[in-house]
């Protein structure tokens, strides 16, 4: 099989060859950038967690890496039959739904002083309808 027709086609349309090469090069560069080959020191999940741990005095075994100091509260979400007209969600089905709430400070240090004023606080809720998947919210 001869490659001469291909070479002739390339000689007749050099613009197309340049365009195809540019598109291919751009795609390769996009994949390399996404993979972090151009910027090996950019932020990543591991580097972020490491920085959080350093700010809290190092790793604290058995505690969360961020928002380590917090309080849990458990209650029941009461029956809400009126909610059925607004939503088909399981939490409005009329059953009592157990709710767990967690209020926390942003510090990675679980032993920090309670009198400090933390600039960031968080609240998370977990609703567990009896016959449906649980819901989780984080703020």
Protein backbone atom coordinates (compact mmCIF):
# COMPACT_ATOMS: atom_id res chain seq x y z
CA UNK A 1 0.00 0.00 0.00
CA UNK A 2 1.44 3.35 -1.02
CA UNK A 3 1.53 6.42 1.20
CA UNK A 4 1.94 8.73 -1.79
CA UNK A 5 -1.77 9.79 -1.94
CA UNK A 6 -1.60 10.82 1.73
CA UNK A 7 1.54 12.88 1.17
CA UNK A 8 -0.03 14.52 -1.88
CA UNK A 9 -3.14 15.36 0.16
CA UNK A 10 -1.00 16.91 2.90
CA UNK A 11 0.88 19.00 0.34
CA UNK A 12 -2.38 20.25 -1.18
CA UNK A 13 -3.97 21.19 2.20
CA UNK A 14 -1.23 22.32 4.63
CA UNK A 15 -3.72 24.51 6.53
CA UNK A 16 -5.78 21.49 7.53
CA UNK A 17 -2.69 19.69 8.78
CA UNK A 18 -1.68 22.71 10.87
CA UNK A 19 -5.22 23.01 12.25
CA UNK A 20 -5.40 19.31 13.18
CA UNK A 21 -1.97 19.54 14.80
CA UNK A 22 -2.99 22.64 16.79
CA UNK A 23 -6.17 20.97 18.04
CA UNK A 24 -4.23 17.86 19.03
CA UNK A 25 -1.58 19.94 20.83
CA UNK A 26 -4.26 21.94 22.67
CA UNK A 27 -5.96 18.73 23.83
CA UNK A 28 -2.66 17.30 25.08
CA UNK A 29 -1.85 20.55 26.91
CA UNK A 30 -5.33 20.61 28.50
CA UNK A 31 -4.90 17.07 29.82
CA UNK A 32 -1.41 17.88 31.11
CA UNK A 33 -2.67 21.01 32.89
CA UNK A 34 -5.59 19.13 34.44
CA UNK A 35 -3.22 16.41 35.61
CA UNK A 36 -0.99 19.00 37.33
CA UNK A 37 2.08 18.50 35.14
CA UNK A 38 2.56 22.25 34.59
CA UNK A 39 2.06 23.24 38.23
CA UNK A 40 3.16 20.48 40.61
CA UNK A 41 2.95 22.82 43.63
CA UNK A 42 -0.67 23.89 43.19
CA UNK A 43 -3.23 23.25 45.90
CA UNK A 44 -4.61 19.74 46.23
CA UNK A 45 -6.86 18.02 48.75
CA UNK A 46 -3.89 16.48 50.58
CA UNK A 47 -1.98 19.76 50.73
CA UNK A 48 -5.06 21.57 52.05
CA UNK A 49 -5.64 19.01 54.80
CA UNK A 50 -1.95 19.09 55.73
CA UNK A 51 -2.10 22.89 56.05
CA UNK A 52 -5.20 22.65 58.26
CA UNK A 53 -3.48 20.13 60.53
CA UNK A 54 -0.36 22.28 60.82
CA UNK A 55 -2.48 25.29 61.87
CA UNK A 56 -4.01 23.20 64.67
CA UNK A 57 -0.73 21.97 66.09
CA UNK A 58 -0.49 18.75 64.11
CA UNK A 59 -2.65 15.68 63.70
CA UNK A 60 -4.93 14.69 66.59
CA UNK A 61 -5.56 10.96 66.38
CA UNK A 62 -9.20 10.00 66.76
CA UNK A 63 -10.52 13.44 65.83
CA UNK A 64 -11.64 15.09 62.61
CA UNK A 65 -9.01 16.99 60.65
CA UNK A 66 -11.14 20.14 60.56
CA UNK A 67 -14.02 21.21 62.81
CA UNK A 68 -12.64 18.84 65.46
CA UNK A 69 -14.31 20.62 68.37
CA UNK A 70 -18.07 20.34 68.31
CA UNK A 71 -21.25 19.27 70.03
CA UNK A 72 -23.88 16.77 68.90
CA UNK A 73 -27.59 17.18 69.52
CA UNK A 74 -30.28 14.66 68.74
CA UNK A 75 -33.98 15.31 68.38
CA UNK A 76 -36.99 14.19 66.40
CA UNK A 77 -38.44 16.19 63.54
CA UNK A 78 -42.19 16.19 64.34
CA UNK A 79 -44.94 15.00 62.03
CA UNK A 80 -45.54 17.49 59.22
CA UNK A 81 -48.62 16.42 57.26
CA UNK A 82 -48.99 19.92 55.78
CA UNK A 83 -45.63 19.47 54.07
CA UNK A 84 -47.06 16.74 51.84
CA UNK A 85 -48.87 19.39 49.82
CA UNK A 86 -45.57 21.14 49.11
CA UNK A 87 -43.19 18.21 48.61
CA UNK A 88 -43.09 14.44 48.16
CA UNK A 89 -39.88 14.28 50.23
CA UNK A 90 -39.71 11.53 52.85
CA UNK A 91 -39.21 13.99 55.71
CA UNK A 92 -42.68 15.39 55.04
CA UNK A 93 -44.38 11.97 54.86
CA UNK A 94 -46.02 12.34 58.24
CA UNK A 95 -43.62 10.05 60.14
CA UNK A 96 -41.45 11.25 63.01
CA UNK A 97 -37.94 11.72 61.61
CA UNK A 98 -34.87 11.40 63.88
CA UNK A 99 -32.47 14.35 63.42
CA UNK A 100 -28.87 14.64 64.56
CA UNK A 101 -27.25 18.07 64.55
CA UNK A 102 -23.59 18.96 65.00
CA UNK A 103 -22.38 22.45 65.84
CA UNK A 104 -18.61 22.97 65.56
CA UNK A 105 -15.77 25.44 65.42
CA UNK A 106 -13.44 25.44 62.42
CA UNK A 107 -10.33 24.67 64.45
CA UNK A 108 -8.54 21.37 63.88
CA UNK A 109 -7.53 21.40 67.57
CA UNK A 110 -10.12 19.51 69.64
CA UNK A 111 -8.63 20.84 72.89
CA UNK A 112 -8.80 24.55 72.08
CA UNK A 113 -10.08 26.95 74.74
CA UNK A 114 -13.87 27.41 74.77
CA UNK A 115 -13.57 31.16 75.27
CA UNK A 116 -11.86 31.83 71.94
CA UNK A 117 -13.92 33.55 69.28
CA UNK A 118 -13.69 31.41 66.18
CA UNK A 119 -14.21 33.29 62.92
CA UNK A 120 -15.83 30.22 61.34
CA UNK A 121 -18.43 27.93 62.82
CA UNK A 122 -20.35 25.12 61.20
CA UNK A 123 -23.63 23.31 61.52
CA UNK A 124 -24.48 19.93 60.02
CA UNK A 125 -27.77 18.03 60.09
CA UNK A 126 -28.56 14.39 59.43
CA UNK A 127 -32.21 13.49 58.95
CA UNK A 128 -33.08 9.78 58.96
CA UNK A 129 -36.60 9.11 57.60
CA UNK A 130 -37.76 5.62 58.59
CA UNK A 131 -38.45 4.31 55.07
CA UNK A 132 -36.07 6.37 52.91
CA UNK A 133 -32.44 7.36 52.43
CA UNK A 134 -30.93 9.67 55.01
CA UNK A 135 -30.36 13.36 54.25
CA UNK A 136 -27.17 15.19 55.18
CA UNK A 137 -26.53 18.91 55.15
CA UNK A 138 -23.31 20.75 55.93
CA UNK A 139 -22.85 24.47 56.33
